[in-house]
Amino acid sequence: MIIGAAFIPVLDVRFKPTRELPQLTVQFSLFGASPSIIEEQTSKIEGILGKISEVKSITSTSGIGFGRVTLSFDKRADLNRKRYEVSMLIRQLRGNLPENMSYPEMVTNNIDDEEQTIFMMLLALSKIKISKYSLILFSANHAFCRK
């Protein structure tokens, strides 16, 4: 019994139950675009991703210069297969999206909303011509200042 308890900290994470559903988030940036323009693109992405099976919910966020669509899947869904399906649908949709929009990228549910927003702001800033020093200064002042 004591030996079994000693091995608990070294168990793989997948053996520990999670309450979160598997999620994929598709995020993009379109520098300087208003939330209403971003919402048009977000709606297109939501529409095509709505075809995927085993989706429990779809949520989206549209902000100034960035958008995000999050898919929550059934617990039994194969996340690697769903990632493949999402990437295929995004490739099909790419021709109907603005040329100056970043290619939509996928992340799993390891990043919280605040970190995703900061990431998208940095991604949008990286698309404009500013010095690396200004980008580092911006990140230091915004991304790493936690309460």
N, C-alpha and C. Protein backbone atom coordinates (compact mmCIF):
# COMPACT_ATOMS: atom_id res chain seq x y z
N MET A 1 0.82 -1.19 0.00
CA MET A 1 0.00 0.00 0.00
C MET A 1 0.86 1.26 0.00
N ILE A 2 1.88 1.28 0.84
CA ILE A 2 2.76 2.44 0.92
C ILE A 2 3.53 2.60 -0.39
N ILE A 3 3.95 1.50 -0.98
CA ILE A 3 4.69 1.57 -2.25
C ILE A 3 3.78 2.13 -3.34
N GLY A 4 2.52 1.71 -3.37
CA GLY A 4 1.57 2.22 -4.36
C GLY A 4 1.35 3.71 -4.21
N ALA A 5 1.24 4.19 -2.99
CA ALA A 5 1.05 5.62 -2.75
C ALA A 5 2.28 6.42 -3.17
N ALA A 6 3.45 5.81 -3.06
CA ALA A 6 4.68 6.50 -3.44
C ALA A 6 4.75 6.74 -4.95
N PHE A 7 4.06 5.91 -5.74
CA PHE A 7 4.12 6.06 -7.20
C PHE A 7 3.06 7.02 -7.76
N ILE A 8 2.16 7.50 -6.95
CA ILE A 8 1.11 8.40 -7.43
C ILE A 8 1.67 9.65 -8.12
N PRO A 9 2.67 10.33 -7.57
CA PRO A 9 3.18 11.51 -8.26
C PRO A 9 3.80 11.25 -9.63
N VAL A 10 4.23 10.04 -9.91
CA VAL A 10 4.87 9.76 -11.19
C VAL A 10 3.91 9.19 -12.23
N LEU A 11 2.63 9.05 -11.89
CA LEU A 11 1.65 8.56 -12.85
C LEU A 11 1.51 9.56 -13.99
N ASP A 12 1.28 9.04 -15.17
CA ASP A 12 1.10 9.87 -16.34
C ASP A 12 -0.19 10.68 -16.19
N VAL A 13 -0.21 11.87 -16.76
CA VAL A 13 -1.37 12.77 -16.65
C VAL A 13 -2.62 12.14 -17.23
N ARG A 14 -2.50 11.33 -18.25
CA ARG A 14 -3.69 10.78 -18.89
C ARG A 14 -4.46 9.83 -17.97
N PHE A 15 -3.84 9.40 -16.87
CA PHE A 15 -4.52 8.53 -15.91
C PHE A 15 -5.30 9.33 -14.88
N LYS A 16 -5.15 10.62 -14.91
CA LYS A 16 -5.89 11.48 -13.99
C LYS A 16 -7.11 12.04 -14.73
N PRO A 17 -8.30 11.85 -14.19
CA PRO A 17 -9.49 12.32 -14.91
C PRO A 17 -9.54 13.84 -15.00
N THR A 18 -10.11 14.33 -16.08
CA THR A 18 -10.28 15.77 -16.26
C THR A 18 -11.76 16.08 -16.42
N ARG A 19 -12.16 17.23 -16.00
CA ARG A 19 -13.57 17.63 -16.12
C ARG A 19 -13.82 18.38 -17.42
N GLU A 20 -12.75 18.82 -18.07
CA GLU A 20 -12.90 19.57 -19.30
C GLU A 20 -13.14 18.64 -20.48
N LEU A 21 -13.97 19.11 -21.40
CA LEU A 21 -14.16 18.38 -22.64
C LEU A 21 -12.97 18.68 -23.54
N PRO A 22 -12.61 17.75 -24.42
CA PRO A 22 -11.54 18.05 -25.38
C PRO A 22 -11.96 19.24 -26.25
N GLN A 23 -11.05 20.17 -26.44
CA GLN A 23 -11.36 21.38 -27.21
C GLN A 23 -10.28 21.67 -28.24
N LEU A 24 -10.73 22.25 -29.34
CA LEU A 24 -9.83 22.82 -30.34
C LEU A 24 -10.27 24.26 -30.56
N THR A 25 -9.32 25.15 -30.62
CA THR A 25 -9.61 26.55 -30.88
C THR A 25 -8.93 26.95 -32.17
N VAL A 26 -9.68 27.57 -33.06
CA VAL A 26 -9.16 28.11 -34.30
C VAL A 26 -9.10 29.62 -34.10
N GLN A 27 -7.92 30.20 -34.27
CA GLN A 27 -7.77 31.64 -34.05
C GLN A 27 -7.06 32.28 -35.23
N PHE A 28 -7.38 33.54 -35.45
CA PHE A 28 -6.80 34.26 -36.58
C PHE A 28 -6.70 35.74 -36.22
N SER A 29 -5.93 36.46 -37.03
CA SER A 29 -5.84 37.91 -36.83
C SER A 29 -6.01 38.61 -38.17
N LEU A 30 -6.54 39.80 -38.10
CA LEU A 30 -6.71 40.67 -39.26
C LEU A 30 -6.48 42.07 -38.74
N PHE A 31 -5.23 42.50 -38.81
CA PHE A 31 -4.80 43.73 -38.14
C PHE A 31 -5.69 44.92 -38.49
N GLY A 32 -6.14 45.60 -37.44
CA GLY A 32 -6.91 46.83 -37.59
C GLY A 32 -8.37 46.65 -37.93
N ALA A 33 -8.82 45.42 -38.11
CA ALA A 33 -10.22 45.19 -38.49
C ALA A 33 -11.14 45.37 -37.29
N SER A 34 -12.30 45.93 -37.53
CA SER A 34 -13.28 46.14 -36.47
C SER A 34 -13.90 44.80 -36.07
N PRO A 35 -14.48 44.73 -34.88
CA PRO A 35 -15.13 43.49 -34.46
C PRO A 35 -16.23 43.01 -35.42
N SER A 36 -16.92 43.94 -36.08
CA SER A 36 -17.98 43.51 -37.01
C SER A 36 -17.39 42.84 -38.25
N ILE A 37 -16.26 43.32 -38.73
CA ILE A 37 -15.60 42.67 -39.87
C ILE A 37 -15.04 41.32 -39.44
N ILE A 38 -14.47 41.28 -38.25
CA ILE A 38 -13.96 40.01 -37.71
C ILE A 38 -15.10 39.01 -37.54
N GLU A 39 -16.27 39.51 -37.10
CA GLU A 39 -17.42 38.63 -36.90
C GLU A 39 -17.85 37.96 -38.21
N GLU A 40 -17.73 38.66 -39.33
CA GLU A 40 -18.05 38.06 -40.63
C GLU A 40 -17.16 36.85 -40.90
N GLN A 41 -15.87 36.99 -40.62
CA GLN A 41 -14.93 35.89 -40.84
C GLN A 41 -15.16 34.77 -39.83
N THR A 42 -15.43 35.16 -38.59
CA THR A 42 -15.71 34.18 -37.54
C THR A 42 -16.94 33.35 -37.92
N SER A 43 -17.96 33.99 -38.45
CA SER A 43 -19.18 33.28 -38.86
C SER A 43 -18.90 32.28 -39.97
N LYS A 44 -18.05 32.64 -40.91
CA LYS A 44 -17.68 31.71 -41.99
C LYS A 44 -17.00 30.47 -41.40
N ILE A 45 -16.08 30.71 -40.47
CA ILE A 45 -15.36 29.59 -39.86
C ILE A 45 -16.30 28.73 -39.03
N GLU A 46 -17.18 29.39 -38.24
CA GLU A 46 -18.17 28.64 -37.45
C GLU A 46 -19.05 27.78 -38.35
N GLY A 47 -19.48 28.35 -39.46
CA GLY A 47 -20.37 27.65 -40.38
C GLY A 47 -19.76 26.38 -40.93
N ILE A 48 -18.52 26.47 -41.37
CA ILE A 48 -17.89 25.28 -41.95
C ILE A 48 -17.51 24.26 -40.88
N LEU A 49 -17.12 24.73 -39.69
CA LEU A 49 -16.74 23.80 -38.62
C LEU A 49 -17.96 23.13 -37.98
N GLY A 50 -19.14 23.69 -38.21
CA GLY A 50 -20.37 23.09 -37.71
C GLY A 50 -20.69 21.75 -38.34
N LYS A 51 -19.98 21.40 -39.41
CA LYS A 51 -20.19 20.12 -40.10
C LYS A 51 -19.52 18.94 -39.39
N ILE A 52 -18.65 19.24 -38.44
CA ILE A 52 -17.87 18.18 -37.79
C ILE A 52 -18.74 17.44 -36.78
N SER A 53 -18.60 16.12 -36.75
CA SER A 53 -19.39 15.29 -35.82
C SER A 53 -18.78 15.32 -34.42
N GLU A 54 -19.56 14.91 -33.45
CA GLU A 54 -19.17 14.80 -32.03
C GLU A 54 -18.88 16.15 -31.37
N VAL A 55 -19.37 17.25 -31.97
CA VAL A 55 -19.18 18.58 -31.38
C VAL A 55 -20.29 18.81 -30.36
N LYS A 56 -19.91 19.11 -29.12
CA LYS A 56 -20.89 19.40 -28.07
C LYS A 56 -21.30 20.86 -28.09
N SER A 57 -20.33 21.77 -28.36
CA SER A 57 -20.66 23.19 -28.42
C SER A 57 -19.63 23.93 -29.25
N ILE A 58 -20.07 25.06 -29.80
CA ILE A 58 -19.20 25.95 -30.55
C ILE A 58 -19.37 27.34 -29.94
N THR A 59 -18.26 27.96 -29.57
CA THR A 59 -18.30 29.33 -29.06
C THR A 59 -17.31 30.16 -29.87
N SER A 60 -17.56 31.45 -29.94
CA SER A 60 -16.64 32.30 -30.69
C SER A 60 -16.48 33.65 -30.00
N THR A 61 -15.37 34.28 -30.32
CA THR A 61 -15.05 35.61 -29.82
C THR A 61 -14.53 36.43 -30.99
N SER A 62 -15.04 37.64 -31.14
CA SER A 62 -14.56 38.56 -32.16
C SER A 62 -14.14 39.84 -31.47
N GLY A 63 -12.92 40.26 -31.73
CA GLY A 63 -12.41 41.49 -31.12
C GLY A 63 -11.78 42.37 -32.17
N ILE A 64 -11.12 43.40 -31.74
CA ILE A 64 -10.45 44.31 -32.67
C ILE A 64 -9.20 43.60 -33.20
N GLY A 65 -9.26 43.20 -34.44
CA GLY A 65 -8.11 42.58 -35.10
C GLY A 65 -7.93 41.09 -34.89
N PHE A 66 -8.80 40.43 -34.14
CA PHE A 66 -8.62 38.98 -33.94
C PHE A 66 -9.97 38.30 -33.74
N GLY A 67 -9.98 37.01 -34.05
CA GLY A 67 -11.17 36.19 -33.84
C GLY A 67 -10.76 34.81 -33.38
N ARG A 68 -11.71 34.15 -32.72
CA ARG A 68 -11.43 32.83 -32.16
C ARG A 68 -12.73 32.01 -32.16
N VAL A 69 -12.63 30.76 -32.62
CA VAL A 69 -13.76 29.83 -32.60
C VAL A 69 -13.30 28.60 -31.83
N THR A 70 -14.05 28.23 -30.78
CA THR A 70 -13.69 27.09 -29.95
C THR A 70 -14.72 25.99 -30.10
N LEU A 71 -14.24 24.79 -30.39
CA LEU A 71 -15.09 23.61 -30.51
C LEU A 71 -14.85 22.72 -29.30
N SER A 72 -15.93 22.35 -28.61
CA SER A 72 -15.84 21.39 -27.51
C SER A 72 -16.42 20.07 -28.01
N PHE A 73 -15.66 19.00 -27.83
CA PHE A 73 -16.04 17.70 -28.35
C PHE A 73 -16.49 16.76 -27.24
N ASP A 74 -17.17 15.71 -27.66
CA ASP A 74 -17.53 14.62 -26.76
C ASP A 74 -16.25 14.06 -26.16
N LYS A 75 -16.33 13.56 -24.92
CA LYS A 75 -15.14 13.03 -24.23
C LYS A 75 -14.48 11.89 -24.99
N ARG A 76 -15.26 11.14 -25.75
CA ARG A 76 -14.70 10.00 -26.48
C ARG A 76 -14.13 10.36 -27.84
N ALA A 77 -14.23 11.62 -28.23
CA ALA A 77 -13.75 12.04 -29.55
C ALA A 77 -12.23 11.92 -29.65
N ASP A 78 -11.77 11.48 -30.79
CA ASP A 78 -10.34 11.39 -31.07
C ASP A 78 -9.87 12.78 -31.50
N LEU A 79 -9.17 13.48 -30.60
CA LEU A 79 -8.78 14.86 -30.85
C LEU A 79 -7.83 14.99 -32.05
N ASN A 80 -6.98 14.00 -32.27
CA ASN A 80 -6.09 14.05 -33.44
C ASN A 80 -6.89 13.97 -34.74
N ARG A 81 -7.90 13.13 -34.76
CA ARG A 81 -8.75 13.03 -35.95
C ARG A 81 -9.55 14.32 -36.16
N LYS A 82 -10.03 14.89 -35.07
CA LYS A 82 -10.79 16.14 -35.17
C LYS A 82 -9.89 17.28 -35.65
N ARG A 83 -8.65 17.28 -35.18
CA ARG A 83 -7.69 18.30 -35.62
C ARG A 83 -7.48 18.20 -37.14
N TYR A 84 -7.39 16.98 -37.63
CA TYR A 84 -7.24 16.76 -39.07
C TYR A 84 -8.47 17.27 -39.83
N GLU A 85 -9.66 16.93 -39.33
CA GLU A 85 -10.90 17.39 -39.98
C GLU A 85 -10.97 18.91 -40.02
N VAL A 86 -10.63 19.54 -38.90
CA VAL A 86 -10.66 21.00 -38.83
C VAL A 86 -9.68 21.59 -39.83
N SER A 87 -8.47 21.05 -39.89
CA SER A 87 -7.47 21.61 -40.81
C SER A 87 -7.90 21.45 -42.27
N MET A 88 -8.54 20.34 -42.60
CA MET A 88 -9.03 20.15 -43.97
C MET A 88 -10.13 21.16 -44.32
N LEU A 89 -11.04 21.39 -43.39
CA LEU A 89 -12.11 22.36 -43.63
C LEU A 89 -11.57 23.79 -43.73
N ILE A 90 -10.59 24.11 -42.90
CA ILE A 90 -9.98 25.46 -42.95
C ILE A 90 -9.29 25.66 -44.30
N ARG A 91 -8.60 24.63 -44.80
CA ARG A 91 -7.95 24.74 -46.12
C ARG A 91 -8.98 24.99 -47.21
N GLN A 92 -10.14 24.32 -47.12
CA GLN A 92 -11.19 24.53 -48.11
C GLN A 92 -11.73 25.96 -48.06
N LEU A 93 -11.81 26.50 -46.86
CA LEU A 93 -12.38 27.84 -46.66
C LEU A 93 -11.40 28.95 -46.99
N ARG A 94 -10.10 28.69 -46.95
CA ARG A 94 -9.08 29.73 -47.05
C ARG A 94 -9.28 30.66 -48.25
N GLY A 95 -9.70 30.16 -49.39
CA GLY A 95 -9.93 31.00 -50.57
C GLY A 95 -11.04 32.02 -50.38
N ASN A 96 -11.93 31.79 -49.42
CA ASN A 96 -13.04 32.71 -49.16
C ASN A 96 -12.76 33.69 -48.03
N LEU A 97 -11.53 33.70 -47.54
CA LEU A 97 -11.14 34.61 -46.46
C LEU A 97 -10.26 35.72 -47.03
N PRO A 98 -10.22 36.87 -46.37
CA PRO A 98 -9.39 37.98 -46.87
C PRO A 98 -7.90 37.58 -46.96
N GLU A 99 -7.23 38.08 -48.00
CA GLU A 99 -5.81 37.75 -48.20
C GLU A 99 -4.94 38.25 -47.06
N ASN A 100 -5.28 39.40 -46.48
CA ASN A 100 -4.43 39.97 -45.43
C ASN A 100 -4.74 39.39 -44.04
N MET A 101 -5.64 38.43 -43.99
CA MET A 101 -5.93 37.75 -42.73
C MET A 101 -4.90 36.66 -42.50
N SER A 102 -4.45 36.50 -41.26
CA SER A 102 -3.50 35.42 -40.96
C SER A 102 -4.17 34.08 -41.23
N TYR A 103 -3.35 33.08 -41.53
CA TYR A 103 -3.91 31.75 -41.73
C TYR A 103 -4.44 31.26 -40.38
N PRO A 104 -5.70 30.83 -40.33
CA PRO A 104 -6.26 30.37 -39.05
C PRO A 104 -5.44 29.21 -38.48
N GLU A 105 -5.07 29.31 -37.22
CA GLU A 105 -4.30 28.25 -36.61
C GLU A 105 -5.06 27.62 -35.46
N MET A 106 -4.71 26.37 -35.17
CA MET A 106 -5.39 25.61 -34.13
C MET A 106 -4.54 25.50 -32.88
N VAL A 107 -5.21 25.58 -31.74
CA VAL A 107 -4.58 25.28 -30.46
C VAL A 107 -5.54 24.40 -29.67
N THR A 108 -5.00 23.61 -28.76
CA THR A 108 -5.85 22.78 -27.92
C THR A 108 -6.20 23.55 -26.65
N ASN A 109 -6.95 22.94 -25.76
CA ASN A 109 -7.45 23.65 -24.58
C ASN A 109 -6.42 23.82 -23.48
N ASN A 110 -5.15 24.02 -23.83
CA ASN A 110 -4.12 24.26 -22.83
C ASN A 110 -3.92 25.74 -22.53
N ILE A 111 -4.51 26.61 -23.31
CA ILE A 111 -4.31 28.05 -23.16
C ILE A 111 -5.61 28.68 -22.68
N ASP A 112 -5.55 29.51 -21.64
CA ASP A 112 -6.77 30.15 -21.16
C ASP A 112 -7.10 31.38 -22.01
N ASP A 113 -8.29 31.95 -21.79
CA ASP A 113 -8.76 33.06 -22.61
C ASP A 113 -7.82 34.26 -22.59
N GLU A 114 -7.31 34.62 -21.41
CA GLU A 114 -6.42 35.78 -21.31
C GLU A 114 -5.14 35.55 -22.12
N GLU A 115 -4.57 34.36 -22.01
CA GLU A 115 -3.35 34.07 -22.75
C GLU A 115 -3.61 34.04 -24.25
N GLN A 116 -4.78 33.53 -24.67
CA GLN A 116 -5.10 33.52 -26.09
C GLN A 116 -5.25 34.93 -26.62
N THR A 117 -5.89 35.81 -25.84
CA THR A 117 -6.07 37.19 -26.27
C THR A 117 -4.71 37.87 -26.42
N ILE A 118 -3.84 37.66 -25.46
CA ILE A 118 -2.50 38.25 -25.53
C ILE A 118 -1.75 37.70 -26.74
N PHE A 119 -1.85 36.39 -26.96
CA PHE A 119 -1.20 35.78 -28.11
C PHE A 119 -1.69 36.40 -29.41
N MET A 120 -3.01 36.58 -29.53
CA MET A 120 -3.57 37.14 -30.76
C MET A 120 -3.14 38.59 -30.94
N MET A 121 -3.05 39.35 -29.84
CA MET A 121 -2.57 40.74 -29.94
C MET A 121 -1.13 40.75 -30.45
N LEU A 122 -0.30 39.87 -29.91
CA LEU A 122 1.09 39.80 -30.36
C LEU A 122 1.19 39.35 -31.80
N LEU A 123 0.34 38.41 -32.20
CA LEU A 123 0.33 37.94 -33.58
C LEU A 123 -0.06 39.09 -34.51
N ALA A 124 -1.07 39.85 -34.13
CA ALA A 124 -1.49 41.00 -34.94
C ALA A 124 -0.37 42.04 -35.02
N LEU A 125 0.30 42.30 -33.89
CA LEU A 125 1.40 43.27 -33.90
C LEU A 125 2.58 42.79 -34.75
N SER A 126 2.80 41.49 -34.79
CA SER A 126 3.94 40.97 -35.55
C SER A 126 3.71 41.12 -37.06
N LYS A 127 2.46 41.34 -37.48
CA LYS A 127 2.17 41.49 -38.90
C LYS A 127 2.47 42.90 -39.40
N ILE A 128 2.61 43.86 -38.50
CA ILE A 128 2.93 45.22 -38.92
C ILE A 128 4.42 45.44 -38.75
N LYS A 129 4.91 46.46 -39.41
CA LYS A 129 6.34 46.72 -39.39
C LYS A 129 6.69 47.59 -38.19
N ILE A 130 7.10 46.93 -37.13
CA ILE A 130 7.62 47.63 -35.96
C ILE A 130 8.91 46.94 -35.55
N SER A 131 9.70 47.62 -34.80
CA SER A 131 10.98 47.04 -34.41
C SER A 131 10.78 45.90 -33.42
N LYS A 132 11.74 45.00 -33.38
CA LYS A 132 11.68 43.90 -32.42
C LYS A 132 11.69 44.44 -31.00
N TYR A 133 12.43 45.52 -30.79
CA TYR A 133 12.49 46.12 -29.46
C TYR A 133 11.10 46.59 -29.02
N SER A 134 10.34 47.22 -29.91
CA SER A 134 8.99 47.69 -29.57
C SER A 134 8.07 46.51 -29.26
N LEU A 135 8.22 45.42 -30.02
CA LEU A 135 7.40 44.23 -29.78
C LEU A 135 7.73 43.61 -28.42
N ILE A 136 9.03 43.55 -28.10
CA ILE A 136 9.45 43.01 -26.80
C ILE A 136 8.95 43.91 -25.68
N LEU A 137 9.04 45.22 -25.87
CA LEU A 137 8.57 46.17 -24.87
C LEU A 137 7.06 46.02 -24.65
N PHE A 138 6.32 45.87 -25.74
CA PHE A 138 4.87 45.67 -25.63
C PHE A 138 4.56 44.41 -24.84
N SER A 139 5.25 43.29 -25.19
CA SER A 139 4.99 42.04 -24.48
C SER A 139 5.34 42.14 -23.01
N ALA A 140 6.43 42.82 -22.71
CA ALA A 140 6.82 42.95 -21.31
C ALA A 140 5.79 43.75 -20.52
N ASN A 141 5.23 44.76 -21.16
CA ASN A 141 4.26 45.62 -20.46
C ASN A 141 2.86 45.01 -20.38
N HIS A 142 2.53 44.11 -21.29
CA HIS A 142 1.15 43.60 -21.32
C HIS A 142 1.03 42.12 -21.01
N ALA A 143 1.86 41.30 -21.62
CA ALA A 143 1.70 39.86 -21.47
C ALA A 143 2.19 39.33 -20.14
N PHE A 144 3.19 39.94 -19.55
CA PHE A 144 3.78 39.38 -18.36
C PHE A 144 3.41 40.15 -17.09
N CYS A 145 2.53 41.10 -17.20
CA CYS A 145 2.08 41.85 -16.03
C CYS A 145 0.83 41.20 -15.49
N ARG A 146 0.97 40.32 -14.57
CA ARG A 146 -0.16 39.59 -13.95
C ARG A 146 -0.46 40.20 -12.60
N LYS A 147 -1.71 40.11 -12.20
CA LYS A 147 -2.11 40.61 -10.88
C LYS A 147 -1.67 39.69 -9.80
